[in-house]
N, C-alpha and C. Protein backbone atom coordinates (compact mmCIF):
# COMPACT_ATOMS: atom_id res chain seq x y z
N UNK A 1 -26.89 -13.44 -15.37
CA UNK A 1 -26.92 -15.10 -15.73
C UNK A 1 -26.49 -14.93 -17.36
N UNK A 2 -25.79 -15.12 -18.07
CA UNK A 2 -25.34 -15.85 -19.32
C UNK A 2 -26.67 -16.39 -20.26
N UNK A 3 -27.72 -17.50 -19.66
CA UNK A 3 -28.99 -18.02 -19.70
C UNK A 3 -29.71 -17.32 -19.57
N UNK A 4 -30.53 -15.94 -18.58
CA UNK A 4 -30.98 -15.41 -19.05
C UNK A 4 -30.98 -14.21 -19.85
N UNK A 5 -29.69 -13.81 -19.69
CA UNK A 5 -29.33 -12.65 -20.78
C UNK A 5 -29.35 -13.03 -22.73
N UNK A 6 -29.03 -14.44 -22.96
CA UNK A 6 -29.81 -14.81 -23.92
C UNK A 6 -31.27 -15.07 -24.38
N UNK A 7 -31.93 -15.33 -23.29
CA UNK A 7 -33.27 -15.57 -23.83
C UNK A 7 -33.96 -14.47 -23.38
N UNK A 8 -33.59 -13.25 -22.97
CA UNK A 8 -33.69 -12.07 -22.87
C UNK A 8 -34.17 -11.63 -24.15
N UNK A 9 -32.72 -11.91 -25.37
CA UNK A 9 -32.58 -11.46 -26.31
C UNK A 9 -33.29 -12.58 -27.37
N UNK A 10 -33.72 -13.81 -26.91
CA UNK A 10 -35.15 -14.34 -27.67
C UNK A 10 -36.40 -13.72 -27.21
N UNK A 11 -36.89 -13.42 -26.59
CA UNK A 11 -37.35 -13.12 -25.85
C UNK A 11 -38.14 -11.32 -27.08
N UNK A 12 -36.88 -10.52 -27.11
CA UNK A 12 -37.27 -9.38 -28.09
C UNK A 12 -37.10 -9.65 -28.96
N UNK A 13 -36.89 -10.49 -30.17
CA UNK A 13 -35.86 -10.98 -31.13
C UNK A 13 -37.38 -11.49 -31.55
N UNK A 14 -38.32 -11.84 -31.44
CA UNK A 14 -39.52 -13.28 -31.83
C UNK A 14 -40.61 -12.85 -30.98
N UNK A 15 -40.44 -11.04 -29.85
CA UNK A 15 -42.06 -10.41 -29.27
C UNK A 15 -42.71 -11.51 -28.73
N UNK A 16 -41.73 -12.19 -27.54
CA UNK A 16 -42.85 -13.02 -27.11
C UNK A 16 -42.43 -12.85 -25.66
N UNK A 17 -43.99 -14.07 -24.84
CA UNK A 17 -43.36 -13.61 -23.75
C UNK A 17 -42.68 -14.65 -23.07
N UNK A 18 -41.81 -15.00 -22.94
CA UNK A 18 -40.85 -16.42 -22.48
C UNK A 18 -40.63 -16.72 -20.95
N UNK A 19 -40.73 -18.18 -20.21
CA UNK A 19 -40.57 -18.42 -19.32
C UNK A 19 -39.89 -19.76 -19.32
N UNK A 20 -38.46 -19.21 -18.04
CA UNK A 20 -37.72 -20.15 -18.57
C UNK A 20 -37.19 -20.83 -17.23
N UNK A 21 -36.63 -21.95 -16.87
CA UNK A 21 -36.28 -22.51 -15.50
C UNK A 21 -34.88 -22.95 -15.57
N UNK A 22 -34.14 -22.15 -14.87
CA UNK A 22 -32.99 -22.72 -14.50
C UNK A 22 -32.49 -22.52 -13.18
N UNK A 23 -31.18 -23.38 -12.29
CA UNK A 23 -30.92 -22.84 -10.99
C UNK A 23 -29.98 -22.05 -10.81
N UNK A 24 -29.97 -21.19 -9.54
CA UNK A 24 -29.68 -19.70 -9.80
C UNK A 24 -29.32 -20.02 -7.87
N UNK A 25 -27.36 -18.56 -8.26
CA UNK A 25 -27.53 -18.88 -6.70
C UNK A 25 -27.80 -17.31 -6.08
N UNK A 26 -27.92 -17.27 -4.47
CA UNK A 26 -28.03 -16.41 -4.01
C UNK A 26 -27.42 -15.95 -2.87
N UNK A 27 -26.76 -15.42 -3.17
CA UNK A 27 -25.57 -15.04 -1.48
C UNK A 27 -26.65 -14.86 -0.36
N UNK A 28 -25.18 -15.64 0.78
CA UNK A 28 -26.30 -15.12 1.90
C UNK A 28 -25.27 -14.77 2.89
N UNK A 29 -24.96 -14.78 4.72
CA UNK A 29 -24.48 -14.61 5.55
C UNK A 29 -24.67 -16.16 6.33
N UNK A 30 -23.25 -17.11 6.00
CA UNK A 30 -23.74 -18.42 6.53
C UNK A 30 -23.80 -18.21 8.07
N UNK A 31 -24.45 -19.38 8.15
CA UNK A 31 -25.06 -19.28 9.62
C UNK A 31 -26.37 -18.28 9.71
N UNK A 32 -26.85 -17.34 8.92
CA UNK A 32 -28.01 -16.57 9.62
C UNK A 32 -29.15 -16.99 8.89
N UNK A 33 -29.83 -16.36 9.54
CA UNK A 33 -31.14 -17.30 9.35
C UNK A 33 -31.68 -18.23 8.18
N UNK A 34 -30.68 -19.88 8.81
CA UNK A 34 -30.66 -20.58 7.66
C UNK A 34 -29.98 -20.52 6.95
N UNK A 35 -28.56 -19.62 6.16
CA UNK A 35 -28.42 -19.51 5.07
C UNK A 35 -26.57 -20.96 5.59
N UNK A 36 -26.91 -21.97 4.07
CA UNK A 36 -26.17 -22.62 4.86
C UNK A 36 -24.55 -22.24 4.92
N UNK A 37 -23.82 -23.60 5.01
CA UNK A 37 -22.52 -23.04 5.79
C UNK A 37 -21.53 -22.29 4.50
N UNK A 38 -21.88 -23.02 3.47
CA UNK A 38 -21.16 -22.28 2.12
C UNK A 38 -21.13 -20.91 2.05
N UNK A 39 -22.32 -20.05 2.75
CA UNK A 39 -22.32 -18.75 2.06
C UNK A 39 -23.80 -18.32 0.78
N UNK A 40 -24.23 -19.73 0.34
CA UNK A 40 -24.77 -19.09 -0.90
C UNK A 40 -26.19 -20.09 -0.77
N UNK A 41 -27.53 -19.72 -1.22
CA UNK A 41 -28.48 -20.45 -1.54
C UNK A 41 -28.38 -21.34 -2.96
N UNK A 42 -28.98 -22.06 -3.16
CA UNK A 42 -29.43 -22.50 -4.56
C UNK A 42 -30.61 -22.60 -4.74
N UNK A 43 -31.08 -22.32 -6.47
CA UNK A 43 -32.68 -22.36 -6.27
C UNK A 43 -33.13 -22.74 -7.52
N UNK A 44 -33.81 -23.80 -7.84
CA UNK A 44 -34.56 -23.78 -8.79
C UNK A 44 -35.52 -22.83 -9.09
N UNK A 45 -35.55 -21.94 -10.01
CA UNK A 45 -36.22 -20.31 -10.43
C UNK A 45 -36.87 -20.46 -11.39
N UNK A 46 -38.05 -19.92 -11.62
CA UNK A 46 -38.81 -19.85 -13.01
C UNK A 46 -38.36 -18.06 -12.99
N UNK A 47 -37.95 -17.95 -14.10
CA UNK A 47 -38.12 -16.73 -14.45
C UNK A 47 -38.71 -15.99 -15.96
N UNK A 48 -39.95 -15.05 -15.52
CA UNK A 48 -40.82 -14.32 -17.13
C UNK A 48 -40.32 -13.12 -17.92
N UNK A 49 -40.08 -13.63 -18.63
CA UNK A 49 -39.54 -11.95 -19.59
C UNK A 49 -40.86 -11.33 -20.44
N UNK A 50 -40.58 -10.07 -20.19
CA UNK A 50 -41.41 -10.12 -21.36
C UNK A 50 -41.35 -9.84 -23.17
N UNK A 51 -42.28 -9.33 -23.57
CA UNK A 51 -41.58 -9.06 -25.38
C UNK A 51 -40.72 -8.27 -25.91
N UNK A 52 -39.81 -7.29 -24.61
CA UNK A 52 -38.85 -6.57 -25.38
C UNK A 52 -37.87 -7.11 -24.24
N UNK A 53 -38.09 -8.10 -23.56
CA UNK A 53 -36.54 -9.19 -22.92
C UNK A 53 -36.61 -8.70 -21.79
N UNK A 54 -37.75 -7.46 -20.91
CA UNK A 54 -37.79 -7.37 -19.40
C UNK A 54 -37.92 -8.15 -18.98
N UNK A 55 -37.07 -7.70 -17.20
CA UNK A 55 -37.77 -9.04 -16.58
C UNK A 55 -39.15 -8.66 -15.91
N UNK A 56 -40.34 -9.54 -15.61
CA UNK A 56 -41.54 -9.28 -15.40
C UNK A 56 -41.46 -10.03 -13.84
N UNK A 57 -41.28 -11.23 -13.47
CA UNK A 57 -41.00 -12.46 -12.45
C UNK A 57 -39.92 -13.21 -12.06
N UNK A 58 -39.22 -12.82 -10.84
CA UNK A 58 -38.80 -14.32 -10.54
C UNK A 58 -39.68 -15.09 -9.51
N UNK A 59 -39.19 -16.61 -9.94
CA UNK A 59 -39.84 -17.24 -8.86
C UNK A 59 -39.02 -18.86 -8.61
N UNK A 60 -38.88 -18.37 -7.22
CA UNK A 60 -37.85 -20.18 -6.88
C UNK A 60 -38.77 -20.85 -5.84
N UNK A 61 -38.37 -22.23 -6.50
CA UNK A 61 -39.22 -23.54 -5.97
C UNK A 61 -39.21 -23.38 -4.64
N UNK A 62 -40.68 -23.57 -3.88
CA UNK A 62 -40.22 -23.85 -2.61
C UNK A 62 -40.41 -24.76 -2.02
N UNK A 63 -40.54 -26.26 -3.34
CA UNK A 63 -40.71 -27.63 -2.29
C UNK A 63 -40.02 -28.61 -3.07
N UNK A 64 -38.14 -28.65 -3.44
CA UNK A 64 -37.10 -29.21 -4.01
C UNK A 64 -38.41 -31.10 -3.24
N UNK A 65 -37.88 -32.21 -4.62
CA UNK A 65 -38.47 -33.25 -4.23
C UNK A 65 -37.38 -34.42 -4.39
N UNK A 66 -37.27 -35.46 -3.84
CA UNK A 66 -36.38 -36.49 -3.87
C UNK A 66 -35.13 -35.28 -3.76
N UNK A 67 -33.80 -36.31 -4.47
CA UNK A 67 -32.40 -36.26 -4.31
C UNK A 67 -32.77 -34.69 -4.57
N UNK A 68 -33.29 -33.54 -5.26
CA UNK A 68 -33.39 -32.48 -5.09
C UNK A 68 -32.95 -31.49 -4.08
N UNK A 69 -33.13 -32.33 -2.70
CA UNK A 69 -33.13 -32.05 -1.38
C UNK A 69 -31.68 -31.35 -1.03
N UNK A 70 -30.45 -32.25 -1.82
CA UNK A 70 -29.08 -32.27 -1.68
C UNK A 70 -28.92 -31.13 -2.07
N UNK A 71 -28.93 -30.33 -3.37
CA UNK A 71 -28.37 -29.54 -3.26
C UNK A 71 -29.81 -28.09 -4.14
N UNK A 72 -30.64 -27.95 -3.62
CA UNK A 72 -31.56 -27.13 -4.14
C UNK A 72 -31.89 -26.74 -2.88
N UNK A 73 -32.42 -25.44 -2.31
CA UNK A 73 -33.03 -24.99 -0.98
C UNK A 73 -34.00 -24.29 -1.95
N UNK A 74 -35.34 -24.97 -0.96
CA UNK A 74 -36.81 -24.17 -0.92
C UNK A 74 -36.80 -22.86 -0.54
N UNK A 75 -37.26 -22.66 -1.33
CA UNK A 75 -38.04 -20.71 -1.09
C UNK A 75 -39.05 -21.26 0.07
N UNK A 76 -38.13 -19.75 1.22
CA UNK A 76 -38.98 -20.15 2.27
C UNK A 76 -39.92 -18.74 2.36
N UNK A 77 -40.48 -17.68 1.12
CA UNK A 77 -41.02 -16.48 0.97
C UNK A 77 -43.04 -17.58 0.64
N UNK A 78 -43.30 -16.31 1.68
CA UNK A 78 -45.05 -16.67 1.36
C UNK A 78 -46.19 -16.18 -0.40
N UNK A 79 -44.83 -15.09 -0.71
CA UNK A 79 -45.28 -14.39 -1.69
C UNK A 79 -45.17 -15.35 -2.61
N UNK A 80 -46.86 -14.98 -3.59
CA UNK A 80 -46.97 -16.14 -5.00
C UNK A 80 -46.18 -15.02 -5.59
N UNK A 81 -46.09 -16.38 -6.86
CA UNK A 81 -45.43 -15.42 -7.74
C UNK A 81 -46.64 -15.05 -9.05
N UNK A 82 -46.32 -13.31 -9.08
CA UNK A 82 -47.53 -13.01 -10.41
C UNK A 82 -47.44 -12.06 -11.33
N UNK A 83 -47.54 -12.18 -12.39
CA UNK A 83 -47.33 -11.08 -13.67
C UNK A 83 -48.37 -10.53 -14.02
N UNK A 84 -48.05 -9.61 -14.88
CA UNK A 84 -48.80 -9.27 -16.09
C UNK A 84 -48.43 -8.88 -17.46
N UNK A 85 -49.12 -9.44 -18.84
CA UNK A 85 -48.72 -9.11 -20.09
C UNK A 85 -49.23 -7.74 -20.34
N UNK A 86 -48.56 -7.28 -21.47
CA UNK A 86 -49.04 -6.14 -22.45
C UNK A 86 -50.48 -6.75 -22.84
N UNK A 87 -50.41 -8.09 -22.71
CA UNK A 87 -51.73 -7.71 -23.57
C UNK A 87 -52.98 -8.20 -22.54
N UNK A 88 -52.97 -8.08 -21.53
CA UNK A 88 -54.08 -7.99 -20.73
C UNK A 88 -54.04 -9.02 -20.05
N UNK A 89 -52.93 -10.28 -19.45
CA UNK A 89 -53.66 -11.56 -18.54
C UNK A 89 -52.08 -11.34 -17.59
N UNK A 90 -53.55 -11.75 -16.37
CA UNK A 90 -51.98 -11.49 -15.39
C UNK A 90 -52.17 -13.70 -15.07
N UNK A 91 -50.81 -13.87 -15.25
CA UNK A 91 -50.41 -15.43 -14.72
C UNK A 91 -49.79 -15.35 -13.50
N UNK A 92 -49.75 -16.37 -12.68
CA UNK A 92 -49.50 -16.84 -11.60
C UNK A 92 -48.19 -18.22 -11.91
N UNK A 93 -47.30 -18.22 -11.12
CA UNK A 93 -46.46 -18.92 -11.70
C UNK A 93 -45.48 -19.97 -10.46
N UNK A 94 -45.31 -21.44 -10.79
CA UNK A 94 -44.53 -22.36 -10.08
C UNK A 94 -44.28 -23.30 -10.14
N UNK A 95 -43.16 -24.81 -9.74
CA UNK A 95 -42.83 -24.71 -10.44
C UNK A 95 -42.93 -26.50 -10.00
N UNK A 96 -43.21 -27.21 -10.74
CA UNK A 96 -42.64 -28.99 -10.49
C UNK A 96 -43.89 -29.42 -8.99
N UNK A 97 -43.25 -29.76 -8.36
CA UNK A 97 -43.75 -30.39 -6.80
C UNK A 97 -43.89 -29.71 -6.27
N UNK A 98 -44.44 -27.89 -6.48
CA UNK A 98 -44.71 -27.30 -6.06
C UNK A 98 -46.67 -27.54 -6.57
N UNK A 99 -46.64 -27.86 -7.86
CA UNK A 99 -48.57 -28.09 -7.76
C UNK A 99 -48.67 -28.84 -6.74
N UNK A 100 -48.39 -29.78 -5.67
CA UNK A 100 -48.93 -30.51 -4.79
C UNK A 100 -49.23 -29.78 -3.93
N UNK A 101 -49.15 -28.50 -3.67
CA UNK A 101 -48.60 -27.37 -2.49
C UNK A 101 -49.05 -26.43 -3.03
N UNK A 102 -48.41 -25.56 -3.93
CA UNK A 102 -49.22 -24.35 -4.09
C UNK A 102 -50.87 -24.03 -4.50
N UNK A 103 -50.82 -22.93 -3.92
CA UNK A 103 -52.75 -22.25 -4.82
C UNK A 103 -52.41 -20.68 -4.84
N UNK A 104 -52.77 -21.03 -6.20
CA UNK A 104 -52.17 -19.53 -7.23
C UNK A 104 -53.46 -18.17 -6.11
N UNK A 105 -52.46 -16.76 -6.45
CA UNK A 105 -54.32 -15.90 -5.78
C UNK A 105 -55.55 -15.91 -6.17
N UNK A 106 -56.51 -16.00 -5.46
CA UNK A 106 -57.11 -16.06 -5.64
C UNK A 106 -58.01 -15.11 -7.71
N UNK A 107 -57.47 -14.35 -7.16
CA UNK A 107 -57.34 -13.61 -8.49
C UNK A 107 -57.14 -13.83 -10.18
N UNK A 108 -55.90 -14.79 -9.84
CA UNK A 108 -54.97 -15.50 -11.05
C UNK A 108 -55.66 -16.67 -11.69
N UNK A 109 -56.80 -16.02 -12.58
CA UNK A 109 -56.99 -17.71 -13.10
C UNK A 109 -55.94 -18.80 -14.00
N UNK A 110 -55.34 -17.66 -14.47
CA UNK A 110 -53.79 -18.12 -16.15
C UNK A 110 -52.16 -18.96 -15.21
N UNK A 111 -51.94 -20.14 -15.22
CA UNK A 111 -50.57 -20.15 -14.81
C UNK A 111 -49.85 -20.65 -15.52
N UNK A 112 -48.43 -20.06 -15.04
CA UNK A 112 -46.92 -21.07 -15.89
C UNK A 112 -46.68 -21.98 -15.17
N UNK A 113 -46.28 -23.11 -16.11
CA UNK A 113 -45.57 -24.48 -14.68
C UNK A 113 -44.52 -25.50 -15.80
N UNK A 114 -43.40 -24.60 -15.40
CA UNK A 114 -42.12 -25.06 -16.22
C UNK A 114 -41.90 -26.50 -14.97
N UNK A 115 -41.98 -27.38 -15.61
CA UNK A 115 -41.48 -29.05 -14.47
C UNK A 115 -40.21 -29.59 -15.04
N UNK A 116 -39.80 -30.18 -14.43
CA UNK A 116 -39.65 -32.06 -14.66
C UNK A 116 -40.11 -33.19 -14.16
N UNK A 117 -41.40 -33.33 -14.37
CA UNK A 117 -41.74 -34.51 -13.83
C UNK A 117 -41.77 -35.66 -14.02
N UNK A 118 -41.92 -36.68 -13.28
CA UNK A 118 -40.72 -38.44 -13.47
C UNK A 118 -42.32 -38.85 -13.35
N UNK A 119 -42.66 -39.29 -14.51
CA UNK A 119 -44.05 -40.23 -14.54
C UNK A 119 -43.62 -41.42 -13.53
N UNK A 120 -44.75 -42.02 -12.80
CA UNK A 120 -44.57 -42.57 -12.05
C UNK A 120 -44.09 -42.66 -11.21
N UNK A 121 -43.06 -41.84 -10.47
CA UNK A 121 -41.99 -42.40 -9.54
C UNK A 121 -42.68 -42.05 -8.00
N UNK A 122 -43.97 -42.14 -7.89
CA UNK A 122 -44.44 -43.35 -6.92
C UNK A 122 -45.76 -43.91 -7.10
N UNK A 123 -44.79 -44.39 -8.03
CA UNK A 123 -45.57 -46.17 -8.58
C UNK A 123 -46.74 -46.12 -9.21
N UNK A 124 -46.73 -47.46 -9.49
CA UNK A 124 -46.94 -47.42 -10.42
C UNK A 124 -48.89 -46.61 -10.89
N UNK A 125 -49.08 -46.58 -9.24
CA UNK A 125 -50.69 -45.61 -9.41
C UNK A 125 -50.42 -43.95 -9.05
N UNK A 126 -49.46 -43.69 -9.33
CA UNK A 126 -48.67 -41.67 -9.23
C UNK A 126 -49.53 -41.44 -10.03
N UNK A 127 -49.73 -40.15 -10.04
CA UNK A 127 -50.20 -39.17 -11.28
C UNK A 127 -49.20 -39.46 -12.53
N UNK A 128 -49.15 -39.73 -13.67
CA UNK A 128 -48.42 -39.58 -14.48
C UNK A 128 -48.21 -37.73 -14.50
N UNK A 129 -47.16 -37.26 -15.34
CA UNK A 129 -47.12 -35.49 -15.52
C UNK A 129 -48.05 -35.08 -16.11
N UNK A 130 -49.17 -35.42 -17.52
CA UNK A 130 -50.69 -34.43 -17.79
C UNK A 130 -51.10 -35.02 -17.04
N UNK A 131 -51.60 -36.55 -16.36
CA UNK A 131 -52.33 -36.55 -15.14
C UNK A 131 -52.76 -35.70 -14.30
N UNK A 132 -51.48 -35.05 -13.46
CA UNK A 132 -50.91 -34.33 -12.69
C UNK A 132 -51.98 -33.40 -12.89
N UNK A 133 -51.42 -32.48 -13.97
CA UNK A 133 -51.75 -30.94 -14.47
C UNK A 133 -53.16 -30.89 -14.44
N UNK A 134 -53.83 -32.02 -15.36
CA UNK A 134 -54.98 -32.02 -15.65
C UNK A 134 -55.96 -31.69 -14.21
N UNK A 135 -55.73 -32.65 -13.55
CA UNK A 135 -56.19 -32.49 -12.02
C UNK A 135 -56.01 -31.64 -11.93
N UNK A 136 -54.77 -30.80 -11.36
CA UNK A 136 -54.97 -29.57 -10.62
C UNK A 136 -55.44 -28.37 -11.60
N UNK A 137 -55.75 -28.15 -13.05
CA UNK A 137 -56.28 -27.41 -13.62
C UNK A 137 -57.74 -27.73 -13.10
N UNK A 138 -58.55 -28.94 -13.20
CA UNK A 138 -59.75 -29.15 -12.88
C UNK A 138 -60.21 -28.83 -11.85
N UNK A 139 -59.66 -29.25 -11.21
CA UNK A 139 -59.57 -29.15 -9.41
C UNK A 139 -59.80 -27.19 -8.99
N UNK A 140 -58.84 -26.48 -9.46
CA UNK A 140 -59.06 -25.71 -9.00
C UNK A 140 -59.67 -24.74 -10.01
N UNK A 141 -60.55 -25.28 -11.58
CA UNK A 141 -61.33 -24.37 -12.51
C UNK A 141 -59.96 -23.20 -12.62
N UNK A 142 -58.67 -23.68 -13.52
CA UNK A 142 -58.00 -22.40 -13.75
C UNK A 142 -57.16 -23.24 -14.98
N UNK A 143 -57.09 -21.64 -15.99
CA UNK A 143 -56.37 -22.30 -17.28
C UNK A 143 -54.54 -22.80 -16.41
N UNK A 144 -53.91 -23.12 -16.96
CA UNK A 144 -53.03 -24.54 -17.01
C UNK A 144 -51.35 -24.70 -17.70
N UNK A 145 -50.67 -23.88 -17.94
CA UNK A 145 -49.81 -24.15 -19.19
C UNK A 145 -48.29 -24.68 -18.40
N UNK A 146 -48.47 -25.73 -18.78
CA UNK A 146 -47.84 -26.48 -18.75
C UNK A 146 -45.99 -26.97 -19.53
N UNK A 147 -45.33 -26.90 -18.89
CA UNK A 147 -43.91 -27.55 -19.67
C UNK A 147 -43.24 -28.77 -19.53
N UNK A 148 -43.03 -29.51 -19.31
CA UNK A 148 -42.57 -30.49 -18.45
C UNK A 148 -40.56 -30.60 -19.20
N UNK A 149 -40.02 -31.41 -18.80
CA UNK A 149 -38.26 -30.74 -19.62
C UNK A 149 -38.06 -32.14 -20.56
N UNK A 150 -38.63 -33.07 -20.42
CA UNK A 150 -38.87 -34.24 -21.12
C UNK A 150 -37.55 -34.80 -21.85
N UNK A 151 -35.73 -34.82 -21.08
CA UNK A 151 -34.61 -35.25 -21.67
C UNK A 151 -34.60 -36.22 -21.14
N UNK A 152 -35.48 -37.25 -20.55
CA UNK A 152 -35.12 -39.02 -20.04
C UNK A 152 -36.47 -39.17 -21.16
N UNK A 153 -36.73 -39.11 -22.58
CA UNK A 153 -38.13 -39.86 -22.99
C UNK A 153 -39.44 -39.62 -22.35
N UNK A 154 -39.76 -41.09 -22.27
CA UNK A 154 -41.12 -41.23 -21.54
C UNK A 154 -41.33 -40.86 -20.25
N UNK A 155 -40.27 -40.85 -19.74
CA UNK A 155 -39.91 -41.11 -17.93
C UNK A 155 -40.08 -39.43 -17.58
N UNK A 156 -39.77 -38.75 -18.35
CA UNK A 156 -40.32 -37.20 -18.17
C UNK A 156 -41.29 -36.28 -19.34
N UNK A 157 -41.58 -37.05 -19.39
CA UNK A 157 -42.71 -36.53 -20.62
C UNK A 157 -44.02 -36.09 -20.51
N UNK A 158 -44.87 -35.11 -20.68
CA UNK A 158 -45.62 -34.81 -20.43
C UNK A 158 -45.90 -33.05 -20.38
N UNK A 159 -46.59 -32.76 -21.55
CA UNK A 159 -46.90 -31.55 -21.09
C UNK A 159 -48.21 -31.00 -21.52
N UNK A 160 -48.75 -29.96 -21.33
CA UNK A 160 -50.25 -29.52 -21.80
C UNK A 160 -50.61 -28.24 -21.86
N UNK A 161 -51.62 -27.56 -22.20
CA UNK A 161 -52.76 -26.14 -21.87
C UNK A 161 -53.63 -26.74 -21.96
N UNK A 162 -54.51 -26.39 -20.76
CA UNK A 162 -55.76 -26.77 -19.89
C UNK A 162 -56.09 -25.44 -19.31
N UNK A 163 -57.25 -25.68 -20.27
CA UNK A 163 -58.71 -25.40 -19.69
C UNK A 163 -60.15 -25.85 -18.48
N UNK A 164 -59.43 -25.65 -16.99
CA UNK A 164 -60.71 -25.89 -16.11
C UNK A 164 -60.42 -27.50 -17.10
N UNK A 165 -58.62 -28.27 -16.04
CA UNK A 165 -59.13 -29.72 -16.47
C UNK A 165 -58.95 -30.10 -17.80
N UNK A 166 -59.40 -29.67 -18.95
CA UNK A 166 -59.40 -29.66 -20.09
C UNK A 166 -58.56 -29.64 -21.43
N UNK A 167 -58.01 -30.90 -21.84
CA UNK A 167 -56.02 -30.65 -22.58
C UNK A 167 -57.13 -29.73 -24.07
N UNK A 168 -56.66 -28.59 -23.60
CA UNK A 168 -56.52 -28.10 -25.05
C UNK A 168 -55.48 -28.47 -26.06
N UNK A 169 -54.37 -28.95 -25.95
CA UNK A 169 -53.46 -29.07 -26.12
C UNK A 169 -52.26 -29.94 -25.70
N UNK A 170 -51.94 -31.36 -25.90
CA UNK A 170 -50.49 -32.10 -25.00
C UNK A 170 -49.74 -32.80 -25.88
N UNK A 171 -49.01 -32.91 -25.18
CA UNK A 171 -47.60 -33.58 -25.62
C UNK A 171 -46.87 -35.10 -25.00
N UNK A 172 -47.01 -35.78 -25.32
CA UNK A 172 -46.67 -36.91 -24.73
C UNK A 172 -45.13 -37.66 -25.66
N UNK A 173 -43.96 -38.29 -25.31
CA UNK A 173 -43.14 -38.75 -25.84
C UNK A 173 -43.28 -40.30 -25.79
N UNK A 174 -43.80 -41.27 -25.99
CA UNK A 174 -43.53 -42.80 -25.94
C UNK A 174 -42.15 -42.87 -26.24
N UNK A 175 -41.22 -42.92 -26.31
CA UNK A 175 -39.76 -43.40 -26.51
C UNK A 175 -38.30 -42.79 -25.37
N UNK A 176 -37.50 -43.99 -25.66
CA UNK A 176 -36.69 -43.32 -24.75
C UNK A 176 -36.07 -41.59 -25.03
N UNK A 177 -35.93 -41.61 -26.01
CA UNK A 177 -35.43 -40.61 -26.44
C UNK A 177 -36.09 -39.32 -26.36
N UNK A 178 -35.08 -38.64 -26.12
CA UNK A 178 -35.66 -36.81 -25.65
C UNK A 178 -35.83 -36.40 -26.75
N UNK A 179 -37.42 -35.97 -27.28
CA UNK A 179 -37.98 -35.41 -28.02
C UNK A 179 -39.35 -34.20 -27.37
N UNK A 180 -39.49 -32.63 -28.06
CA UNK A 180 -39.57 -32.03 -27.64
C UNK A 180 -40.67 -31.09 -28.93
N UNK A 181 -42.45 -30.75 -28.51
CA UNK A 181 -43.04 -30.02 -29.34
C UNK A 181 -43.89 -28.81 -29.05
N UNK A 182 -43.68 -27.84 -29.68
CA UNK A 182 -44.11 -26.77 -29.95
C UNK A 182 -45.78 -26.85 -30.02
N UNK A 183 -46.39 -26.50 -28.70
CA UNK A 183 -48.28 -26.68 -28.55
C UNK A 183 -48.30 -25.08 -28.75
N UNK A 184 -49.45 -25.36 -29.42
CA UNK A 184 -50.72 -23.75 -29.71
C UNK A 184 -51.42 -24.19 -29.17
N UNK A 185 -52.19 -23.36 -28.78
CA UNK A 185 -53.63 -23.08 -28.30
C UNK A 185 -54.04 -21.52 -27.92
N UNK A 186 -55.35 -21.09 -27.89
CA UNK A 186 -56.24 -20.00 -27.74
C UNK A 186 -57.17 -21.16 -26.66
N UNK A 187 -56.82 -19.63 -25.09
CA UNK A 187 -57.58 -20.07 -23.81
C UNK A 187 -57.91 -18.78 -23.79
N UNK A 188 -59.58 -18.51 -23.05
CA UNK A 188 -60.38 -16.87 -22.65
C UNK A 188 -59.11 -16.98 -21.39
N UNK A 189 -59.26 -15.78 -20.96
CA UNK A 189 -58.69 -15.15 -19.98
C UNK A 189 -58.67 -14.96 -18.54
N UNK A 190 -58.08 -15.20 -17.82
CA UNK A 190 -59.27 -14.87 -16.38
C UNK A 190 -59.68 -13.94 -16.32
N UNK A 191 -59.35 -12.51 -16.74
CA UNK A 191 -59.97 -11.15 -16.38
C UNK A 191 -60.84 -11.07 -18.09
N UNK A 192 -60.87 -11.53 -18.48
CA UNK A 192 -62.16 -11.73 -19.74
C UNK A 192 -60.55 -11.37 -21.03
N UNK A 193 -59.40 -10.80 -21.02
CA UNK A 193 -59.07 -10.96 -21.99
C UNK A 193 -58.15 -12.32 -22.77
N UNK A 194 -58.31 -12.79 -23.77
CA UNK A 194 -57.57 -13.80 -24.02
C UNK A 194 -56.45 -13.76 -24.82
N UNK A 195 -56.02 -14.91 -24.01
CA UNK A 195 -54.99 -15.74 -23.74
C UNK A 195 -54.31 -16.05 -25.48
N UNK A 196 -53.17 -14.96 -25.82
CA UNK A 196 -52.44 -15.15 -27.53
C UNK A 196 -52.40 -17.33 -27.15
N UNK A 197 -51.76 -17.81 -28.26
CA UNK A 197 -51.13 -18.97 -28.51
C UNK A 197 -49.70 -18.78 -27.67
N UNK A 198 -49.29 -19.88 -28.36
CA UNK A 198 -47.99 -20.23 -27.99
C UNK A 198 -46.52 -19.27 -28.94
N UNK A 199 -47.44 -18.48 -29.98
CA UNK A 199 -46.44 -17.08 -30.14
C UNK A 199 -46.33 -16.26 -29.55
N UNK A 200 -46.90 -16.26 -28.25
CA UNK A 200 -47.13 -15.01 -27.35
C UNK A 200 -46.08 -15.69 -26.59
N UNK A 201 -46.80 -16.85 -25.65
CA UNK A 201 -46.45 -17.15 -24.44
C UNK A 201 -46.06 -18.34 -24.85
N UNK A 202 -45.02 -18.59 -24.20
CA UNK A 202 -43.63 -19.67 -24.56
C UNK A 202 -42.79 -20.25 -22.96
N UNK A 203 -43.01 -21.22 -22.67
CA UNK A 203 -41.89 -21.90 -22.02
C UNK A 203 -40.64 -23.08 -22.31
N UNK A 204 -39.56 -22.13 -21.93
CA UNK A 204 -38.58 -23.60 -21.70
C UNK A 204 -38.40 -24.67 -20.75
């Protein structure tokens, strides 16, 4: 896909581990094993690339939310996404509403989490993006690197880097206009290695 090819070039040029979220299409045989009538599955997909631009891992979102059900197929695989970087840290990876269901492998403490979390979508008492991120990190005792889309201003803003629920760095845009901000933080890795700052690990 052109977007992945461009991201691969960016990762190689900047020497970063890059995780991006995009829609992907997977051909299948219509009517077989739940394949849609049009012979293709559309997935909300996270792709992880290493510092050379090479593929590290692919994850298809398992739990579509709201009107996403109208155009996205949830993945049925039971295998959890994981990848190990050259700086010695193994990451898990899942997307948005998966946060309410997914547990990473027990031996993986560090998670990357691309999302388009709509704040208060469950009502005024529903968790905002940063509240949900912090709570997951705290409950599971894991590091979470979360990047929210933010294209709808405050309605979909809220990103952070968390260590066992503590926000080491976070961003929220209170305006109605789209805004983004690069977050940088050092974290202790789950296997004793140190997770470099956002100059090494970036979500888009």
